[in-house]
C-alpha atoms as a PDB file:
ATOM      1  CA  MET A   1     -46.121  33.127 -34.854  1.00  0.00           C
ATOM      2  CA  GLU A   2     -43.378  32.169 -32.424  1.00  0.00           C
ATOM      3  CA  ILE A   3     -43.625  28.465 -33.092  1.00  0.00           C
ATOM      4  CA  GLU A   4     -43.332  28.970 -36.851  1.00  0.00           C
ATOM      5  CA  ARG A   5     -40.163  31.015 -36.300  1.00  0.00           C
ATOM      6  CA  ALA A   6     -38.777  28.221 -34.113  1.00  0.00           C
ATOM      7  CA  ILE A   7     -39.588  25.630 -36.781  1.00  0.00           C
ATOM      8  CA  GLU A   8     -37.680  27.696 -39.367  1.00  0.00           C
ATOM      9  CA  HIS A   9     -34.673  27.815 -37.033  1.00  0.00           C
ATOM     10  CA  GLN A  10     -34.924  24.045 -36.533  1.00  0.00           C
ATOM     11  CA  LYS A  11     -35.120  23.347 -40.269  1.00  0.00           C
ATOM     12  CA  ALA A  12     -32.024  25.522 -40.754  1.00  0.00           C
ATOM     13  CA  GLY A  13     -30.132  23.520 -38.127  1.00  0.00           C
ATOM     14  CA  GLN A  14     -30.190  26.411 -35.656  1.00  0.00           C
ATOM     15  CA  LEU A  15     -31.190  24.162 -32.795  1.00  0.00           C
ATOM     16  CA  GLN A  16     -30.167  26.456 -29.951  1.00  0.00           C
ATOM     17  CA  GLN A  17     -32.395  29.276 -31.206  1.00  0.00           C
ATOM     18  CA  ALA A  18     -35.318  26.907 -31.824  1.00  0.00           C
ATOM     19  CA  GLU A  19     -34.963  25.301 -28.403  1.00  0.00           C
ATOM     20  CA  ALA A  20     -34.981  28.697 -26.683  1.00  0.00           C
ATOM     21  CA  ILE A  21     -38.266  29.619 -28.363  1.00  0.00           C
ATOM     22  CA  TYR A  22     -39.922  26.276 -27.527  1.00  0.00           C
ATOM     23  CA  ARG A  23     -38.879  26.699 -23.889  1.00  0.00           C
ATOM     24  CA  GLU A  24     -40.293  30.238 -23.813  1.00  0.00           C
ATOM     25  CA  ILE A  25     -43.594  28.900 -25.136  1.00  0.00           C
ATOM     26  CA  LEU A  26     -43.642  26.087 -22.571  1.00  0.00           C
ATOM     27  CA  ALA A  27     -42.897  28.509 -19.740  1.00  0.00           C
ATOM     28  CA  ARG A  28     -46.219  30.180 -20.588  1.00  0.00           C
ATOM     29  CA  GLU A  29     -48.073  27.099 -21.875  1.00  0.00           C
ATOM     30  CA  PRO A  30     -46.653  23.968 -20.216  1.00  0.00           C
ATOM     31  CA  ASP A  31     -49.288  21.812 -21.916  1.00  0.00           C
ATOM     32  CA  ASN A  32     -48.521  22.885 -25.483  1.00  0.00           C
ATOM     33  CA  PRO A  33     -48.189  19.530 -27.315  1.00  0.00           C
ATOM     34  CA  GLN A  34     -46.542  20.963 -30.420  1.00  0.00           C
ATOM     35  CA  ALA A  35     -43.797  22.708 -28.449  1.00  0.00           C
ATOM     36  CA  LEU A  36     -43.219  19.573 -26.328  1.00  0.00           C
ATOM     37  CA  HIS A  37     -43.036  17.391 -29.425  1.00  0.00           C
ATOM     38  CA  LEU A  38     -40.667  19.670 -31.325  1.00  0.00           C
ATOM     39  CA  LEU A  39     -38.444  20.100 -28.280  1.00  0.00           C
ATOM     40  CA  GLY A  40     -38.336  16.305 -28.209  1.00  0.00           C
ATOM     41  CA  VAL A  41     -37.310  16.270 -31.871  1.00  0.00           C
ATOM     42  CA  ILE A  42     -34.407  18.610 -31.033  1.00  0.00           C
ATOM     43  CA  ALA A  43     -33.358  16.177 -28.308  1.00  0.00           C
ATOM     44  CA  LEU A  44     -33.502  13.388 -30.912  1.00  0.00           C
ATOM     45  CA  GLN A  45     -31.351  15.463 -33.282  1.00  0.00           C
ATOM     46  CA  LYS A  46     -28.821  15.924 -30.479  1.00  0.00           C
ATOM     47  CA  GLY A  47     -28.783  12.197 -29.672  1.00  0.00           C
ATOM     48  CA  ARG A  48     -30.442  12.662 -26.271  1.00  0.00           C
ATOM     49  CA  HIS A  49     -32.865   9.807 -26.801  1.00  0.00           C
ATOM     50  CA  GLY A  50     -34.115   9.417 -23.239  1.00  0.00           C
ATOM     51  CA  VAL A  51     -35.046  13.113 -23.049  1.00  0.00           C
ATOM     52  CA  ALA A  52     -36.628  12.937 -26.504  1.00  0.00           C
ATOM     53  CA  GLU A  53     -38.768   9.958 -25.516  1.00  0.00           C
ATOM     54  CA  LYS A  54     -40.104  11.672 -22.389  1.00  0.00           C
ATOM     55  CA  LEU A  55     -40.946  14.926 -24.182  1.00  0.00           C
ATOM     56  CA  ILE A  56     -42.697  13.244 -27.097  1.00  0.00           C
ATOM     57  CA  GLU A  57     -44.657  10.958 -24.777  1.00  0.00           C
ATOM     58  CA  GLN A  58     -45.781  14.072 -22.845  1.00  0.00           C
ATOM     59  CA  ALA A  59     -47.014  15.558 -26.118  1.00  0.00           C
ATOM     60  CA  LEU A  60     -48.925  12.363 -26.929  1.00  0.00           C
ATOM     61  CA  LEU A  61     -50.618  12.340 -23.524  1.00  0.00           C
ATOM     62  CA  LEU A  62     -51.954  15.791 -24.349  1.00  0.00           C
ATOM     63  CA  LYS A  63     -52.741  15.017 -27.999  1.00  0.00           C
ATOM     64  CA  PRO A  64     -53.288  11.280 -28.567  1.00  0.00           C
ATOM     65  CA  ASP A  65     -54.059  11.735 -32.281  1.00  0.00           C
ATOM     66  CA  TYR A  66     -50.663  13.323 -33.023  1.00  0.00           C
ATOM     67  CA  ALA A  67     -49.411  11.160 -35.904  1.00  0.00           C
ATOM     68  CA  GLU A  68     -46.177  13.097 -36.438  1.00  0.00           C
ATOM     69  CA  ALA A  69     -45.289  12.654 -32.761  1.00  0.00           C
ATOM     70  CA  TYR A  70     -45.860   8.883 -32.974  1.00  0.00           C
ATOM     71  CA  ASN A  71     -43.610   8.773 -36.037  1.00  0.00           C
ATOM     72  CA  ASN A  72     -40.823  10.646 -34.254  1.00  0.00           C
ATOM     73  CA  LEU A  73     -41.294   8.520 -31.146  1.00  0.00           C
ATOM     74  CA  GLY A  74     -40.713   5.535 -33.407  1.00  0.00           C
ATOM     75  CA  LEU A  75     -37.451   7.065 -34.619  1.00  0.00           C
ATOM     76  CA  VAL A  76     -36.342   7.670 -31.015  1.00  0.00           C
ATOM     77  CA  LEU A  77     -37.101   4.066 -30.060  1.00  0.00           C
ATOM     78  CA  GLN A  78     -35.373   2.767 -33.203  1.00  0.00           C
ATOM     79  CA  ASN A  79     -32.259   4.750 -32.313  1.00  0.00           C
ATOM     80  CA  GLN A  80     -32.339   3.081 -28.891  1.00  0.00           C
ATOM     81  CA  GLY A  81     -32.450  -0.351 -30.527  1.00  0.00           C
ATOM     82  CA  ARG A  82     -36.015  -0.990 -29.323  1.00  0.00           C
ATOM     83  CA  MET A  83     -37.279  -2.244 -32.660  1.00  0.00           C
ATOM     84  CA  GLN A  84     -40.571  -3.804 -31.564  1.00  0.00           C
ATOM     85  CA  ASP A  85     -41.545  -0.663 -29.654  1.00  0.00           C
ATOM     86  CA  ALA A  86     -40.552   1.426 -32.675  1.00  0.00           C
ATOM     87  CA  ALA A  87     -42.725  -0.703 -34.958  1.00  0.00           C
ATOM     88  CA  THR A  88     -45.659  -0.237 -32.572  1.00  0.00           C
ATOM     89  CA  ALA A  89     -45.200   3.547 -32.670  1.00  0.00           C
ATOM     90  CA  PHE A  90     -45.007   3.606 -36.488  1.00  0.00           C
ATOM     91  CA  ARG A  91     -48.135   1.442 -36.737  1.00  0.00           C
ATOM     92  CA  GLN A  92     -49.963   3.819 -34.421  1.00  0.00           C
ATOM     93  CA  ALA A  93     -48.894   6.733 -36.633  1.00  0.00           C
ATOM     94  CA  LEU A  94     -50.206   4.861 -39.681  1.00  0.00           C
ATOM     95  CA  LYS A  95     -53.576   4.323 -37.999  1.00  0.00           C
ATOM     96  CA  LEU A  96     -53.857   8.098 -37.799  1.00  0.00           C
ATOM     97  CA  THR A  97     -52.427   8.847 -41.263  1.00  0.00           C
ATOM     98  CA  PRO A  98     -52.846   5.702 -43.385  1.00  0.00           C
ATOM     99  CA  ALA A  99     -50.501   5.254 -46.348  1.00  0.00           C
ATOM    100  CA  ASP A 100     -48.125   8.047 -45.283  1.00  0.00           C
ATOM    101  CA  PRO A 101     -45.038   7.156 -47.362  1.00  0.00           C
ATOM    102  CA  GLU A 102     -42.427   8.456 -44.902  1.00  0.00           C
ATOM    103  CA  ILE A 103     -43.918   6.515 -41.995  1.00  0.00           C
ATOM    104  CA  LEU A 104     -44.193   3.399 -44.169  1.00  0.00           C
ATOM    105  CA  VAL A 105     -40.483   3.680 -45.053  1.00  0.00           C
ATOM    106  CA  ASN A 106     -39.643   4.037 -41.353  1.00  0.00           C
ATOM    107  CA  LEU A 107     -41.640   0.893 -40.556  1.00  0.00           C
ATOM    108  CA  GLY A 108     -40.010  -0.904 -43.480  1.00  0.00           C
ATOM    109  CA  ASN A 109     -36.596   0.050 -42.111  1.00  0.00           C
ATOM    110  CA  VAL A 110     -37.443  -1.602 -38.798  1.00  0.00           C
ATOM    111  CA  PHE A 111     -38.501  -4.780 -40.592  1.00  0.00           C
ATOM    112  CA  ARG A 112     -35.268  -4.754 -42.617  1.00  0.00           C
ATOM    113  CA  VAL A 113     -33.055  -4.265 -39.539  1.00  0.00           C
ATOM    114  CA  CYS A 114     -34.879  -7.153 -37.847  1.00  0.00           C
ATOM    115  CA  GLY A 115     -34.326  -9.404 -40.881  1.00  0.00           C
ATOM    116  CA  ASP A 116     -38.011  -9.493 -41.864  1.00  0.00           C
ATOM    117  CA  LEU A 117     -37.174  -8.870 -45.502  1.00  0.00           C
ATOM    118  CA  GLY A 118     -40.511  -9.941 -46.934  1.00  0.00           C
ATOM    119  CA  ASP A 119     -42.407  -7.534 -44.691  1.00  0.00           C
ATOM    120  CA  ALA A 120     -39.837  -4.816 -45.405  1.00  0.00           C
ATOM    121  CA  ALA A 121     -40.232  -5.182 -49.186  1.00  0.00           C
ATOM    122  CA  ALA A 122     -44.034  -5.193 -48.931  1.00  0.00           C
ATOM    123  CA  THR A 123     -43.988  -2.055 -46.770  1.00  0.00           C
ATOM    124  CA  TYR A 124     -41.652  -0.173 -49.116  1.00  0.00           C
ATOM    125  CA  LYS A 125     -43.973  -1.112 -51.993  1.00  0.00           C
ATOM    126  CA  GLN A 126     -46.891   0.368 -50.053  1.00  0.00           C
ATOM    127  CA  ALA A 127     -44.891   3.572 -49.673  1.00  0.00           C
ATOM    128  CA  LEU A 128     -44.219   3.638 -53.416  1.00  0.00           C
ATOM    129  CA  ALA A 129     -47.899   3.055 -54.195  1.00  0.00           C
ATOM    130  CA  ALA A 130     -48.588   6.258 -52.249  1.00  0.00           C
ATOM    131  CA  ALA A 131     -45.545   8.183 -53.579  1.00  0.00           C
ATOM    132  CA  PRO A 132     -44.112   6.648 -56.781  1.00  0.00           C
ATOM    133  CA  ASP A 133     -41.251   9.173 -56.961  1.00  0.00           C
ATOM    134  CA  PHE A 134     -40.022   8.596 -53.378  1.00  0.00           C
ATOM    135  CA  ALA A 135     -36.328   7.952 -54.021  1.00  0.00           C
ATOM    136  CA  LEU A 136     -35.556   6.655 -50.519  1.00  0.00           C
ATOM    137  CA  ALA A 137     -38.294   4.037 -50.779  1.00  0.00           C
ATOM    138  CA  HIS A 138     -36.944   2.853 -54.154  1.00  0.00           C
ATOM    139  CA  ASN A 139     -33.411   2.664 -52.734  1.00  0.00           C
ATOM    140  CA  ASN A 140     -34.441   0.761 -49.609  1.00  0.00           C
ATOM    141  CA  LEU A 141     -36.635  -1.610 -51.601  1.00  0.00           C
ATOM    142  CA  GLY A 142     -33.662  -2.227 -53.885  1.00  0.00           C
ATOM    143  CA  ALA A 143     -31.377  -2.933 -50.921  1.00  0.00           C
ATOM    144  CA  THR A 144     -33.966  -5.352 -49.521  1.00  0.00           C
ATOM    145  CA  ARG A 145     -34.406  -7.181 -52.819  1.00  0.00           C
ATOM    146  CA  MET A 146     -30.615  -7.383 -53.186  1.00  0.00           C
ATOM    147  CA  ALA A 147     -30.427  -8.990 -49.737  1.00  0.00           C
ATOM    148  CA  GLN A 148     -33.109 -11.447 -50.889  1.00  0.00           C
ATOM    149  CA  GLY A 149     -31.066 -12.274 -53.986  1.00  0.00           C
ATOM    150  CA  VAL A 150     -33.608 -10.753 -56.398  1.00  0.00           C
ATOM    151  CA  LEU A 151     -30.931  -8.828 -58.251  1.00  0.00           C
ATOM    152  CA  ASP A 152     -32.826  -7.828 -61.397  1.00  0.00           C
ATOM    153  CA  GLU A 153     -35.498  -6.082 -59.331  1.00  0.00           C
ATOM    154  CA  ALA A 154     -32.846  -4.515 -57.097  1.00  0.00           C
ATOM    155  CA  ILE A 155     -31.031  -3.086 -60.126  1.00  0.00           C
ATOM    156  CA  ALA A 156     -34.296  -1.696 -61.493  1.00  0.00           C
ATOM    157  CA  CYS A 157     -34.955   0.031 -58.149  1.00  0.00           C
ATOM    158  CA  PHE A 158     -31.513   1.631 -58.012  1.00  0.00           C
ATOM    159  CA  LYS A 159     -31.768   2.807 -61.624  1.00  0.00           C
ATOM    160  CA  GLN A 160     -35.122   4.372 -60.801  1.00  0.00           C
ATOM    161  CA  VAL A 161     -33.538   6.293 -57.921  1.00  0.00           C
ATOM    162  CA  LEU A 162     -30.775   7.579 -60.194  1.00  0.00           C
ATOM    163  CA  ALA A 163     -33.360   8.664 -62.769  1.00  0.00           C
ATOM    164  CA  PHE A 164     -34.813  10.908 -60.057  1.00  0.00           C
ATOM    165  CA  ASP A 165     -31.462  11.967 -58.587  1.00  0.00           C
ATOM    166  CA  PRO A 166     -28.223  11.131 -60.442  1.00  0.00           C
ATOM    167  CA  LYS A 167     -26.186  12.328 -57.421  1.00  0.00           C
ATOM    168  CA  TYR A 168     -27.730   9.795 -54.992  1.00  0.00           C
ATOM    169  CA  THR A 169     -24.431   8.211 -53.919  1.00  0.00           C
ATOM    170  CA  GLU A 170     -25.836   5.341 -51.852  1.00  0.00           C
ATOM    171  CA  ALA A 171     -28.147   4.182 -54.643  1.00  0.00           C
ATOM    172  CA  HIS A 172     -25.320   4.346 -57.193  1.00  0.00           C
ATOM    173  CA  SER A 173     -23.037   2.337 -54.895  1.00  0.00           C
ATOM    174  CA  ASN A 174     -25.836  -0.198 -54.382  1.00  0.00           C
ATOM    175  CA  LEU A 175     -26.347  -0.427 -58.149  1.00  0.00           C
ATOM    176  CA  PHE A 176     -22.662  -1.160 -58.722  1.00  0.00           C
ATOM    177  CA  GLN A 177     -22.713  -3.828 -55.999  1.00  0.00           C
ATOM    178  CA  ALA A 178     -25.827  -5.482 -57.448  1.00  0.00           C
ATOM    179  CA  MET A 179     -24.314  -5.482 -60.926  1.00  0.00           C
ATOM    180  CA  HIS A 180     -21.141  -7.076 -59.544  1.00  0.00           C
ATOM    181  CA  TYR A 181     -23.155 -10.054 -58.281  1.00  0.00           C
ATOM    182  CA  THR A 182     -25.332 -10.375 -61.405  1.00  0.00           C
ATOM    183  CA  PRO A 183     -23.930 -12.844 -63.979  1.00  0.00           C
ATOM    184  CA  GLY A 184     -25.138 -10.810 -66.975  1.00  0.00           C
ATOM    185  CA  PHE A 185     -22.647  -7.976 -66.435  1.00  0.00           C
ATOM    186  CA  ASP A 186     -19.123  -8.500 -67.754  1.00  0.00           C
ATOM    187  CA  ALA A 187     -15.939  -6.705 -66.727  1.00  0.00           C
ATOM    188  CA  GLU A 188     -16.408  -4.023 -69.384  1.00  0.00           C
ATOM    189  CA  ALA A 189     -19.901  -3.135 -68.125  1.00  0.00           C
ATOM    190  CA  LEU A 190     -18.681  -3.018 -64.521  1.00  0.00           C
ATOM    191  CA  TYR A 191     -15.741  -0.809 -65.491  1.00  0.00           C
ATOM    192  CA  ALA A 192     -18.050   1.575 -67.348  1.00  0.00           C
ATOM    193  CA  GLU A 193     -20.346   1.810 -64.322  1.00  0.00           C
ATOM    194  CA  ALA A 194     -17.377   2.397 -62.020  1.00  0.00           C
ATOM    195  CA  ARG A 195     -16.308   5.303 -64.250  1.00  0.00           C
ATOM    196  CA  ARG A 196     -19.825   6.746 -64.133  1.00  0.00           C
ATOM    197  CA  TRP A 197     -19.777   6.447 -60.320  1.00  0.00           C
ATOM    198  CA  ALA A 198     -16.419   8.233 -60.128  1.00  0.00           C
ATOM    199  CA  SER A 199     -17.584  10.983 -62.464  1.00  0.00           C
ATOM    200  CA  ALA A 200     -20.770  11.589 -60.454  1.00  0.00           C
ATOM    201  CA  HIS A 201     -19.406  11.279 -56.921  1.00  0.00           C
ATOM    202  CA  ALA A 202     -15.612  11.127 -56.597  1.00  0.00           C
ATOM    203  CA  GLU A 203     -14.575  13.854 -59.039  1.00  0.00           C
ATOM    204  CA  PRO A 204     -16.818  16.576 -57.527  1.00  0.00           C
ATOM    205  CA  LEU A 205     -15.236  15.831 -54.136  1.00  0.00           C
ATOM    206  CA  ARG A 206     -11.740  16.216 -55.580  1.00  0.00           C
ATOM    207  CA  GLU A 207     -12.740  19.554 -57.115  1.00  0.00           C
ATOM    208  CA  GLN A 208     -13.979  20.803 -53.716  1.00  0.00           C
ATOM    209  CA  ARG A 209     -10.836  19.742 -51.849  1.00  0.00           C
ATOM    210  CA  GLY A 210      -8.561  22.588 -50.800  1.00  0.00           C
ATOM    211  CA  TYR A 211      -5.520  23.118 -48.667  1.00  0.00           C
ATOM    212  CA  ALA A 212      -5.362  24.671 -45.214  1.00  0.00           C
ATOM    213  CA  ASN A 213      -1.949  26.260 -45.880  1.00  0.00           C
ATOM    214  CA  ASP A 214      -0.629  28.397 -48.694  1.00  0.00           C
ATOM    215  CA  ARG A 215       1.570  26.102 -50.780  1.00  0.00           C
ATOM    216  CA  SER A 216       3.007  28.876 -52.986  1.00  0.00           C
ATOM    217  CA  PRO A 217       6.777  29.473 -52.666  1.00  0.00           C
ATOM    218  CA  ASN A 218       6.305  33.238 -52.251  1.00  0.00           C
END
């Protein structure tokens, strides 16, 4: 199907090709909610938030039970700084797909940005109840608990992320920061963790670094 081909292009970052297909579909079927929604997602990916909002809202007028569209509308509104509107969109998505872990994390992110740390932590925990191996939810819960000063729980969250994905740079940086502020870790433990961080994240970058010019004398 055309739309499936467009989705593959979009997943591969080939936005121009995907957009062309969605527009071809809409030229024939102007009321196709999936094509409108996904064209709106491309606009979101390009940072064209006003266009994205209009397209996704058009899709929702045609298909009011479109949970994925409400979730992406929430992301558009969040990117515009409209946090209350974003929260409303995420809640609407959750009415249609209760306990969806990705939507719960998005709602938790809004709470965290707004400083509602208790609600953020509770929402991330809901996401983890639905998807216990969701690394992003563990990381964001850890960051929230660190902001609340609950450092032992924060450290446990970050370690859980690294058990799933040892290359998760943000979680490893958060772990090191939490350890730095926890009295139980001495200078030797912090140094050892810093070396582990460098081995996992800094050294691979150094290995990938090259030079634009030939530095050989010949």
